[in-house]
PDB file of N, CA and C in Angstrom:
ATOM      1  N   MET A   1     191.914-180.907 -27.280  1.00  0.00           N
ATOM      2  CA  MET A   1     193.337-180.939 -26.987  1.00  0.00           C
ATOM      3  C   MET A   1     193.962-182.085 -27.764  1.00  0.00           C
ATOM      4  N   PHE A   2     195.172-181.861 -28.237  1.00  0.00           N
ATOM      5  CA  PHE A   2     195.907-182.850 -29.012  1.00  0.00           C
ATOM      6  C   PHE A   2     197.307-182.970 -28.417  1.00  0.00           C
ATOM      7  N   ARG A   3     197.705-184.189 -28.089  1.00  0.00           N
ATOM      8  CA  ARG A   3     198.978-184.415 -27.388  1.00  0.00           C
ATOM      9  C   ARG A   3     199.966-185.160 -28.277  1.00  0.00           C
ATOM     10  N   HIS A   4     201.215-184.743 -28.166  1.00  0.00           N
ATOM     11  CA  HIS A   4     202.348-185.350 -28.880  1.00  0.00           C
ATOM     12  C   HIS A   4     203.351-185.804 -27.820  1.00  0.00           C
ATOM     13  N   VAL A   5     203.714-187.082 -27.860  1.00  0.00           N
ATOM     14  CA  VAL A   5     204.663-187.641 -26.897  1.00  0.00           C
ATOM     15  C   VAL A   5     205.800-188.288 -27.680  1.00  0.00           C
ATOM     16  N   VAL A   6     207.041-187.940 -27.325  1.00  0.00           N
ATOM     17  CA  VAL A   6     208.217-188.517 -27.978  1.00  0.00           C
ATOM     18  C   VAL A   6     209.167-189.031 -26.905  1.00  0.00           C
ATOM     19  N   LEU A   7     209.730-190.208 -27.148  1.00  0.00           N
ATOM     20  CA  LEU A   7     210.720-190.805 -26.256  1.00  0.00           C
ATOM     21  C   LEU A   7     212.000-191.036 -27.046  1.00  0.00           C
ATOM     22  N   PHE A   8     213.119-190.650 -26.463  1.00  0.00           N
ATOM     23  CA  PHE A   8     214.419-190.809 -27.110  1.00  0.00           C
ATOM     24  C   PHE A   8     215.337-191.695 -26.288  1.00  0.00           C
ATOM     25  N   THR A   9     216.166-192.456 -26.957  1.00  0.00           N
ATOM     26  CA  THR A   9     217.320-193.108 -26.360  1.00  0.00           C
ATOM     27  C   THR A   9     218.530-192.574 -27.105  1.00  0.00           C
ATOM     28  N   TRP A  10     219.543-192.188 -26.355  1.00  0.00           N
ATOM     29  CA  TRP A  10     220.734-191.563 -26.946  1.00  0.00           C
ATOM     30  C   TRP A  10     221.786-192.601 -27.314  1.00  0.00           C
ATOM     31  N   ALA A  11     222.588-192.256 -28.280  1.00  0.00           N
ATOM     32  CA  ALA A  11     223.723-193.090 -28.670  1.00  0.00           C
ATOM     33  C   ALA A  11     224.708-193.165 -27.505  1.00  0.00           C
ATOM     34  N   GLU A  12     225.416-194.276 -27.409  1.00  0.00           N
ATOM     35  CA  GLU A  12     226.382-194.456 -26.318  1.00  0.00           C
ATOM     36  C   GLU A  12     227.399-193.333 -26.241  1.00  0.00           C
ATOM     37  N   GLU A  13     227.805-192.817 -27.385  1.00  0.00           N
ATOM     38  CA  GLU A  13     228.844-191.788 -27.408  1.00  0.00           C
ATOM     39  C   GLU A  13     228.317-190.380 -27.122  1.00  0.00           C
ATOM     40  N   ALA A  14     227.020-190.226 -26.889  1.00  0.00           N
ATOM     41  CA  ALA A  14     226.452-188.916 -26.572  1.00  0.00           C
ATOM     42  C   ALA A  14     227.024-188.406 -25.252  1.00  0.00           C
ATOM     43  N   THR A  15     227.437-187.160 -25.264  1.00  0.00           N
ATOM     44  CA  THR A  15     228.019-186.559 -24.058  1.00  0.00           C
ATOM     45  C   THR A  15     226.933-185.899 -23.216  1.00  0.00           C
ATOM     46  N   ASP A  16     227.242-185.631 -21.963  1.00  0.00           N
ATOM     47  CA  ASP A  16     226.305-184.906 -21.099  1.00  0.00           C
ATOM     48  C   ASP A  16     226.005-183.530 -21.683  1.00  0.00           C
ATOM     49  N   GLU A  17     227.008-182.891 -22.259  1.00  0.00           N
ATOM     50  CA  GLU A  17     226.820-181.565 -22.858  1.00  0.00           C
ATOM     51  C   GLU A  17     225.831-181.631 -24.013  1.00  0.00           C
ATOM     52  N   GLN A  18     225.929-182.657 -24.838  1.00  0.00           N
ATOM     53  CA  GLN A  18     224.997-182.811 -25.953  1.00  0.00           C
ATOM     54  C   GLN A  18     223.583-183.071 -25.446  1.00  0.00           C
ATOM     55  N   ARG A  19     223.443-183.902 -24.447  1.00  0.00           N
ATOM     56  CA  ARG A  19     222.124-184.192 -23.878  1.00  0.00           C
ATOM     57  C   ARG A  19     221.512-182.941 -23.255  1.00  0.00           C
ATOM     58  N   ASP A  20     222.329-182.196 -22.537  1.00  0.00           N
ATOM     59  CA  ASP A  20     221.851-180.946 -21.934  1.00  0.00           C
ATOM     60  C   ASP A  20     221.435-179.945 -22.998  1.00  0.00           C
ATOM     61  N   ALA A  21     222.168-179.901 -24.103  1.00  0.00           N
ATOM     62  CA  ALA A  21     221.843-178.974 -25.189  1.00  0.00           C
ATOM     63  C   ALA A  21     220.485-179.296 -25.795  1.00  0.00           C
ATOM     64  N   VAL A  22     220.160-180.578 -25.928  1.00  0.00           N
ATOM     65  CA  VAL A  22     218.844-180.966 -26.439  1.00  0.00           C
ATOM     66  C   VAL A  22     217.762-180.381 -25.540  1.00  0.00           C
ATOM     67  N   ALA A  23     217.897-180.581 -24.243  1.00  0.00           N
ATOM     68  CA  ALA A  23     216.887-180.075 -23.304  1.00  0.00           C
ATOM     69  C   ALA A  23     216.783-178.554 -23.379  1.00  0.00           C
ATOM     70  N   THR A  24     217.908-177.880 -23.407  1.00  0.00           N
ATOM     71  CA  THR A  24     217.913-176.411 -23.471  1.00  0.00           C
ATOM     72  C   THR A  24     217.231-175.912 -24.732  1.00  0.00           C
ATOM     73  N   GLU A  25     217.581-176.487 -25.850  1.00  0.00           N
ATOM     74  CA  GLU A  25     217.014-176.050 -27.130  1.00  0.00           C
ATOM     75  C   GLU A  25     215.525-176.352 -27.219  1.00  0.00           C
ATOM     76  N   LEU A  26     215.105-177.518 -26.761  1.00  0.00           N
ATOM     77  CA  LEU A  26     213.679-177.839 -26.778  1.00  0.00           C
ATOM     78  C   LEU A  26     212.887-176.922 -25.856  1.00  0.00           C
ATOM     79  N   ARG A  27     213.437-176.618 -24.695  1.00  0.00           N
ATOM     80  CA  ARG A  27     212.728-175.751 -23.738  1.00  0.00           C
ATOM     81  C   ARG A  27     212.542-174.337 -24.253  1.00  0.00           C
ATOM     82  N   ALA A  28     213.305-173.941 -25.245  1.00  0.00           N
ATOM     83  CA  ALA A  28     213.151-172.610 -25.833  1.00  0.00           C
ATOM     84  C   ALA A  28     211.980-172.536 -26.818  1.00  0.00           C
ATOM     85  N   LEU A  29     211.517-173.674 -27.311  1.00  0.00           N
ATOM     86  CA  LEU A  29     210.509-173.677 -28.370  1.00  0.00           C
ATOM     87  C   LEU A  29     209.166-173.047 -27.989  1.00  0.00           C
ATOM     88  N   PRO A  30     208.652-173.205 -26.757  1.00  0.00           N
ATOM     89  CA  PRO A  30     207.376-172.554 -26.445  1.00  0.00           C
ATOM     90  C   PRO A  30     207.426-171.027 -26.585  1.00  0.00           C
ATOM     91  N   GLY A  31     208.577-170.428 -26.418  1.00  0.00           N
ATOM     92  CA  GLY A  31     208.707-168.987 -26.608  1.00  0.00           C
ATOM     93  C   GLY A  31     208.784-168.574 -28.065  1.00  0.00           C
ATOM     94  N   ILE A  32     208.964-169.552 -28.951  1.00  0.00           N
ATOM     95  CA  ILE A  32     209.105-169.302 -30.383  1.00  0.00           C
ATOM     96  C   ILE A  32     207.864-169.725 -31.160  1.00  0.00           C
ATOM     97  N   ILE A  33     207.199-170.782 -30.705  1.00  0.00           N
ATOM     98  CA  ILE A  33     206.062-171.371 -31.427  1.00  0.00           C
ATOM     99  C   ILE A  33     204.804-171.182 -30.581  1.00  0.00           C
ATOM    100  N   PRO A  34     204.000-170.168 -30.887  1.00  0.00           N
ATOM    101  CA  PRO A  34     202.851-169.853 -30.028  1.00  0.00           C
ATOM    102  C   PRO A  34     201.759-170.918 -30.007  1.00  0.00           C
ATOM    103  N   GLU A  35     201.752-171.834 -30.951  1.00  0.00           N
ATOM    104  CA  GLU A  35     200.729-172.879 -30.976  1.00  0.00           C
ATOM    105  C   GLU A  35     200.890-173.900 -29.852  1.00  0.00           C
ATOM    106  N   ILE A  36     202.038-173.928 -29.199  1.00  0.00           N
ATOM    107  CA  ILE A  36     202.265-174.855 -28.082  1.00  0.00           C
ATOM    108  C   ILE A  36     201.469-174.369 -26.876  1.00  0.00           C
ATOM    109  N   ARG A  37     200.596-175.222 -26.333  1.00  0.00           N
ATOM    110  CA  ARG A  37     199.799-174.874 -25.153  1.00  0.00           C
ATOM    111  C   ARG A  37     200.479-175.306 -23.861  1.00  0.00           C
ATOM    112  N   ALA A  38     201.083-176.469 -23.861  1.00  0.00           N
ATOM    113  CA  ALA A  38     201.826-176.968 -22.697  1.00  0.00           C
ATOM    114  C   ALA A  38     202.991-177.780 -23.242  1.00  0.00           C
ATOM    115  N   TYR A  39     204.114-177.750 -22.506  1.00  0.00           N
ATOM    116  CA  TYR A  39     205.323-178.385 -23.023  1.00  0.00           C
ATOM    117  C   TYR A  39     206.175-178.834 -21.850  1.00  0.00           C
ATOM    118  N   ALA A  40     206.502-180.105 -21.821  1.00  0.00           N
ATOM    119  CA  ALA A  40     207.368-180.641 -20.772  1.00  0.00           C
ATOM    120  C   ALA A  40     208.424-181.515 -21.432  1.00  0.00           C
ATOM    121  N   VAL A  41     209.661-181.310 -21.057  1.00  0.00           N
ATOM    122  CA  VAL A  41     210.764-182.126 -21.572  1.00  0.00           C
ATOM    123  C   VAL A  41     211.678-182.469 -20.413  1.00  0.00           C
ATOM    124  N   GLY A  42     212.346-183.615 -20.501  1.00  0.00           N
ATOM    125  CA  GLY A  42     213.306-183.941 -19.467  1.00  0.00           C
ATOM    126  C   GLY A  42     213.820-185.356 -19.561  1.00  0.00           C
ATOM    127  N   PRO A  43     214.919-185.597 -18.859  1.00  0.00           N
ATOM    128  CA  PRO A  43     215.514-186.939 -18.842  1.00  0.00           C
ATOM    129  C   PRO A  43     214.711-187.890 -17.965  1.00  0.00           C
ATOM    130  N   ASP A  44     214.844-189.165 -18.256  1.00  0.00           N
ATOM    131  CA  ASP A  44     214.200-190.195 -17.459  1.00  0.00           C
ATOM    132  C   ASP A  44     214.696-190.131 -16.017  1.00  0.00           C
ATOM    133  N   ALA A  45     213.818-190.379 -15.072  1.00  0.00           N
ATOM    134  CA  ALA A  45     214.166-190.348 -13.651  1.00  0.00           C
ATOM    135  C   ALA A  45     214.957-191.581 -13.205  1.00  0.00           C
ATOM    136  N   LYS A  46     215.094-192.556 -14.071  1.00  0.00           N
ATOM    137  CA  LYS A  46     215.861-193.784 -13.813  1.00  0.00           C
ATOM    138  C   LYS A  46     215.305-194.595 -12.642  1.00  0.00           C
ATOM    139  N   VAL A  47     213.984-194.579 -12.524  1.00  0.00           N
ATOM    140  CA  VAL A  47     213.329-195.365 -11.489  1.00  0.00           C
ATOM    141  C   VAL A  47     213.193-196.821 -11.937  1.00  0.00           C
ATOM    142  N   ASN A  48     212.897-197.018 -13.219  1.00  0.00           N
ATOM    143  CA  ASN A  48     212.719-198.357 -13.771  1.00  0.00           C
ATOM    144  C   ASN A  48     213.755-198.631 -14.852  1.00  0.00           C
ATOM    145  N   PRO A  49     214.313-199.816 -14.874  1.00  0.00           N
ATOM    146  CA  PRO A  49     215.277-200.145 -15.931  1.00  0.00           C
ATOM    147  C   PRO A  49     214.573-200.321 -17.281  1.00  0.00           C
ATOM    148  N   GLY A  50     215.327-200.089 -18.340  1.00  0.00           N
ATOM    149  CA  GLY A  50     214.808-200.326 -19.672  1.00  0.00           C
ATOM    150  C   GLY A  50     214.020-199.187 -20.288  1.00  0.00           C
ATOM    151  N   ASN A  51     213.883-198.072 -19.589  1.00  0.00           N
ATOM    152  CA  ASN A  51     213.152-196.934 -20.140  1.00  0.00           C
ATOM    153  C   ASN A  51     213.969-196.211 -21.206  1.00  0.00           C
ATOM    154  N   HIS A  52     213.272-195.425 -21.998  1.00  0.00           N
ATOM    155  CA  HIS A  52     213.957-194.471 -22.863  1.00  0.00           C
ATOM    156  C   HIS A  52     214.639-193.446 -21.960  1.00  0.00           C
ATOM    157  N   GLU A  53     215.531-192.646 -22.524  1.00  0.00           N
ATOM    158  CA  GLU A  53     216.333-191.736 -21.716  1.00  0.00           C
ATOM    159  C   GLU A  53     215.806-190.312 -21.608  1.00  0.00           C
ATOM    160  N   PHE A  54     214.897-189.934 -22.510  1.00  0.00           N
ATOM    161  CA  PHE A  54     214.447-188.539 -22.547  1.00  0.00           C
ATOM    162  C   PHE A  54     213.039-188.506 -23.120  1.00  0.00           C
ATOM    163  N   ALA A  55     212.214-187.571 -22.624  1.00  0.00           N
ATOM    164  CA  ALA A  55     210.833-187.469 -23.098  1.00  0.00           C
ATOM    165  C   ALA A  55     210.456-186.031 -23.414  1.00  0.00           C
ATOM    166  N   VAL A  56     209.540-185.914 -24.377  1.00  0.00           N
ATOM    167  CA  VAL A  56     208.899-184.646 -24.718  1.00  0.00           C
ATOM    168  C   VAL A  56     207.395-184.897 -24.715  1.00  0.00           C
ATOM    169  N   VAL A  57     206.652-184.043 -24.017  1.00  0.00           N
ATOM    170  CA  VAL A  57     205.197-184.093 -24.042  1.00  0.00           C
ATOM    171  C   VAL A  57     204.726-182.689 -24.395  1.00  0.00           C
ATOM    172  N   ALA A  58     203.993-182.587 -25.507  1.00  0.00           N
ATOM    173  CA  ALA A  58     203.538-181.281 -25.981  1.00  0.00           C
ATOM    174  C   ALA A  58     202.037-181.327 -26.236  1.00  0.00           C
ATOM    175  N   ASP A  59     201.348-180.287 -25.790  1.00  0.00           N
ATOM    176  CA  ASP A  59     199.905-180.188 -25.987  1.00  0.00           C
ATOM    177  C   ASP A  59     199.578-179.021 -26.912  1.00  0.00           C
ATOM    178  N   PHE A  60     198.557-179.242 -27.751  1.00  0.00           N
ATOM    179  CA  PHE A  60     198.117-178.266 -28.739  1.00  0.00           C
ATOM    180  C   PHE A  60     196.594-178.212 -28.730  1.00  0.00           C
ATOM    181  N   ASP A  61     196.045-177.142 -29.285  1.00  0.00           N
ATOM    182  CA  ASP A  61     194.586-177.042 -29.366  1.00  0.00           C
ATOM    183  C   ASP A  61     194.008-178.048 -30.351  1.00  0.00           C
ATOM    184  N   GLY A  62     194.772-178.428 -31.357  1.00  0.00           N
ATOM    185  CA  GLY A  62     194.283-179.375 -32.340  1.00  0.00           C
ATOM    186  C   GLY A  62     195.394-179.864 -33.247  1.00  0.00           C
ATOM    187  N   VAL A  63     195.039-180.704 -34.192  1.00  0.00           N
ATOM    188  CA  VAL A  63     196.004-181.314 -35.099  1.00  0.00           C
ATOM    189  C   VAL A  63     196.749-180.254 -35.908  1.00  0.00           C
ATOM    190  N   GLU A  64     196.044-179.246 -36.385  1.00  0.00           N
ATOM    191  CA  GLU A  64     196.693-178.216 -37.213  1.00  0.00           C
ATOM    192  C   GLU A  64     197.797-177.497 -36.442  1.00  0.00           C
ATOM    193  N   ASP A  65     197.564-177.217 -35.166  1.00  0.00           N
ATOM    194  CA  ASP A  65     198.605-176.565 -34.360  1.00  0.00           C
ATOM    195  C   ASP A  65     199.787-177.495 -34.155  1.00  0.00           C
ATOM    196  N   TYR A  66     199.509-178.779 -33.956  1.00  0.00           N
ATOM    197  CA  TYR A  66     200.610-179.748 -33.864  1.00  0.00           C
ATOM    198  C   TYR A  66     201.420-179.757 -35.151  1.00  0.00           C
ATOM    199  N   LEU A  67     200.753-179.764 -36.291  1.00  0.00           N
ATOM    200  CA  LEU A  67     201.465-179.789 -37.574  1.00  0.00           C
ATOM    201  C   LEU A  67     202.310-178.529 -37.765  1.00  0.00           C
ATOM    202  N   THR A  68     201.821-177.405 -37.281  1.00  0.00           N
ATOM    203  CA  THR A  68     202.615-176.176 -37.328  1.00  0.00           C
ATOM    204  C   THR A  68     203.889-176.345 -36.522  1.00  0.00           C
ATOM    205  N   TYR A  69     203.773-176.891 -35.323  1.00  0.00           N
ATOM    206  CA  TYR A  69     204.939-177.180 -34.486  1.00  0.00           C
ATOM    207  C   TYR A  69     205.868-178.175 -35.168  1.00  0.00           C
ATOM    208  N   ARG A  70     205.310-179.270 -35.650  1.00  0.00           N
ATOM    209  CA  ARG A  70     206.121-180.323 -36.268  1.00  0.00           C
ATOM    210  C   ARG A  70     206.988-179.779 -37.391  1.00  0.00           C
ATOM    211  N   ASP A  71     206.419-178.908 -38.197  1.00  0.00           N
ATOM    212  CA  ASP A  71     207.108-178.415 -39.381  1.00  0.00           C
ATOM    213  C   ASP A  71     207.813-177.074 -39.176  1.00  0.00           C
ATOM    214  N   HIS A  72     207.684-176.496 -37.999  1.00  0.00           N
ATOM    215  CA  HIS A  72     208.269-175.177 -37.741  1.00  0.00           C
ATOM    216  C   HIS A  72     209.793-175.225 -37.909  1.00  0.00           C
ATOM    217  N   PRO A  73     210.379-174.231 -38.578  1.00  0.00           N
ATOM    218  CA  PRO A  73     211.832-174.229 -38.799  1.00  0.00           C
ATOM    219  C   PRO A  73     212.655-174.296 -37.510  1.00  0.00           C
ATOM    220  N   ALA A  74     212.189-173.683 -36.438  1.00  0.00           N
ATOM    221  CA  ALA A  74     212.941-173.736 -35.174  1.00  0.00           C
ATOM    222  C   ALA A  74     212.947-175.152 -34.611  1.00  0.00           C
ATOM    223  N   HIS A  75     211.824-175.834 -34.686  1.00  0.00           N
ATOM    224  CA  HIS A  75     211.738-177.214 -34.221  1.00  0.00           C
ATOM    225  C   HIS A  75     212.591-178.120 -35.096  1.00  0.00           C
ATOM    226  N   GLN A  76     212.489-177.961 -36.395  1.00  0.00           N
ATOM    227  CA  GLN A  76     213.281-178.771 -37.311  1.00  0.00           C
ATOM    228  C   GLN A  76     214.779-178.547 -37.104  1.00  0.00           C
ATOM    229  N   ALA A  77     215.168-177.316 -36.774  1.00  0.00           N
ATOM    230  CA  ALA A  77     216.587-177.026 -36.509  1.00  0.00           C
ATOM    231  C   ALA A  77     217.076-177.761 -35.267  1.00  0.00           C
ATOM    232  N   VAL A  78     216.267-177.837 -34.226  1.00  0.00           N
ATOM    233  CA  VAL A  78     216.650-178.575 -33.019  1.00  0.00           C
ATOM    234  C   VAL A  78     216.841-180.051 -33.347  1.00  0.00           C
ATOM    235  N   ILE A  79     215.930-180.593 -34.129  1.00  0.00           N
ATOM    236  CA  ILE A  79     216.046-182.000 -34.516  1.00  0.00           C
ATOM    237  C   ILE A  79     217.337-182.241 -35.288  1.00  0.00           C
ATOM    238  N   THR A  80     217.577-181.415 -36.281  1.00  0.00           N
ATOM    239  CA  THR A  80     218.745-181.600 -37.155  1.00  0.00           C
ATOM    240  C   THR A  80     220.061-181.358 -36.434  1.00  0.00           C
ATOM    241  N   ARG A  81     220.140-180.273 -35.674  1.00  0.00           N
ATOM    242  CA  ARG A  81     221.413-179.863 -35.079  1.00  0.00           C
ATOM    243  C   ARG A  81     221.733-180.559 -33.762  1.00  0.00           C
ATOM    244  N   PHE A  82     220.716-180.897 -32.984  1.00  0.00           N
ATOM    245  CA  PHE A  82     220.976-181.377 -31.634  1.00  0.00           C
ATOM    246  C   PHE A  82     220.522-182.823 -31.369  1.00  0.00           C
ATOM    247  N   ILE A  83     219.392-183.224 -31.937  1.00  0.00           N
ATOM    248  CA  ILE A  83     218.844-184.549 -31.635  1.00  0.00           C
ATOM    249  C   ILE A  83     219.440-185.627 -32.532  1.00  0.00           C
ATOM    250  N   LYS A  84     219.338-185.455 -33.834  1.00  0.00           N
ATOM    251  CA  LYS A  84     219.793-186.506 -34.758  1.00  0.00           C
ATOM    252  C   LYS A  84     221.251-186.925 -34.550  1.00  0.00           C
ATOM    253  N   PRO A  85     222.165-186.000 -34.247  1.00  0.00           N
ATOM    254  CA  PRO A  85     223.568-186.427 -34.083  1.00  0.00           C
ATOM    255  C   PRO A  85     223.804-187.392 -32.925  1.00  0.00           C
ATOM    256  N   ILE A  86     222.885-187.441 -31.949  1.00  0.00           N
ATOM    257  CA  ILE A  86     223.105-188.328 -30.796  1.00  0.00           C
ATOM    258  C   ILE A  86     221.992-189.362 -30.622  1.00  0.00           C
ATOM    259  N   LEU A  87     221.108-189.462 -31.592  1.00  0.00           N
ATOM    260  CA  LEU A  87     219.936-190.323 -31.477  1.00  0.00           C
ATOM    261  C   LEU A  87     220.247-191.786 -31.769  1.00  0.00           C
ATOM    262  N   ALA A  88     219.852-192.660 -30.852  1.00  0.00           N
ATOM    263  CA  ALA A  88     219.928-194.107 -31.080  1.00  0.00           C
ATOM    264  C   ALA A  88     218.558-194.647 -31.475  1.00  0.00           C
ATOM    265  N   SER A  89     217.492-194.198 -30.768  1.00  0.00           N
ATOM    266  CA  SER A  89     216.146-194.632 -31.118  1.00  0.00           C
ATOM    267  C   SER A  89     215.124-193.593 -30.681  1.00  0.00           C
ATOM    268  N   ARG A  90     213.971-193.654 -31.330  1.00  0.00           N
ATOM    269  CA  ARG A  90     212.893-192.703 -31.070  1.00  0.00           C
ATOM    270  C   ARG A  90     211.572-193.450 -31.146  1.00  0.00           C
ATOM    271  N   ALA A  91     210.664-193.113 -30.257  1.00  0.00           N
ATOM    272  CA  ALA A  91     209.288-193.598 -30.309  1.00  0.00           C
ATOM    273  C   ALA A  91     208.386-192.389 -30.133  1.00  0.00           C
ATOM    274  N   ALA A  92     207.276-192.359 -30.847  1.00  0.00           N
ATOM    275  CA  ALA A  92     206.362-191.212 -30.740  1.00  0.00           C
ATOM    276  C   ALA A  92     204.928-191.664 -30.909  1.00  0.00           C
ATOM    277  N   VAL A  93     204.030-190.861 -30.354  1.00  0.00           N
ATOM    278  CA  VAL A  93     202.601-191.076 -30.510  1.00  0.00           C
ATOM    279  C   VAL A  93     201.925-189.713 -30.411  1.00  0.00           C
ATOM    280  N   GLN A  94     200.829-189.565 -31.163  1.00  0.00           N
ATOM    281  CA  GLN A  94     199.994-188.385 -31.080  1.00  0.00           C
ATOM    282  C   GLN A  94     198.570-188.873 -30.850  1.00  0.00           C
ATOM    283  N   PHE A  95     197.822-188.145 -29.983  1.00  0.00           N
ATOM    284  CA  PHE A  95     196.445-188.560 -29.710  1.00  0.00           C
ATOM    285  C   PHE A  95     195.619-187.394 -29.185  1.00  0.00           C
ATOM    286  N   ALA A  96     194.329-187.496 -29.396  1.00  0.00           N
ATOM    287  CA  ALA A  96     193.392-186.512 -28.864  1.00  0.00           C
ATOM    288  C   ALA A  96     193.162-186.822 -27.387  1.00  0.00           C
ATOM    289  N   CYS A  97     193.096-185.785 -26.593  1.00  0.00           N
ATOM    290  CA  CYS A  97     192.844-186.001 -25.160  1.00  0.00           C
ATOM    291  C   CYS A  97     191.888-184.957 -24.614  1.00  0.00           C
TER     292      CYS A  97
END
């Protein structure tokens, strides 16, 4: 199993509609990219201060499947159209589990 974790913080001017659109568009990807084995996305629960605002956790059978997801046109379109316009910061890690 290979896991990809991404954390986002949104720009101050990001609207609720834009944030919701990111979640909606990302949640559609498992139906488009069959290499995704498990996929969870959502906003921070706001339990602790200083956290990022949104997370993506995606599981794949291996690195090659992750790379297929990473480079898939549907995934790249979500990044370009919905994430980048409201992105303040991003942190990511990939690891075998």
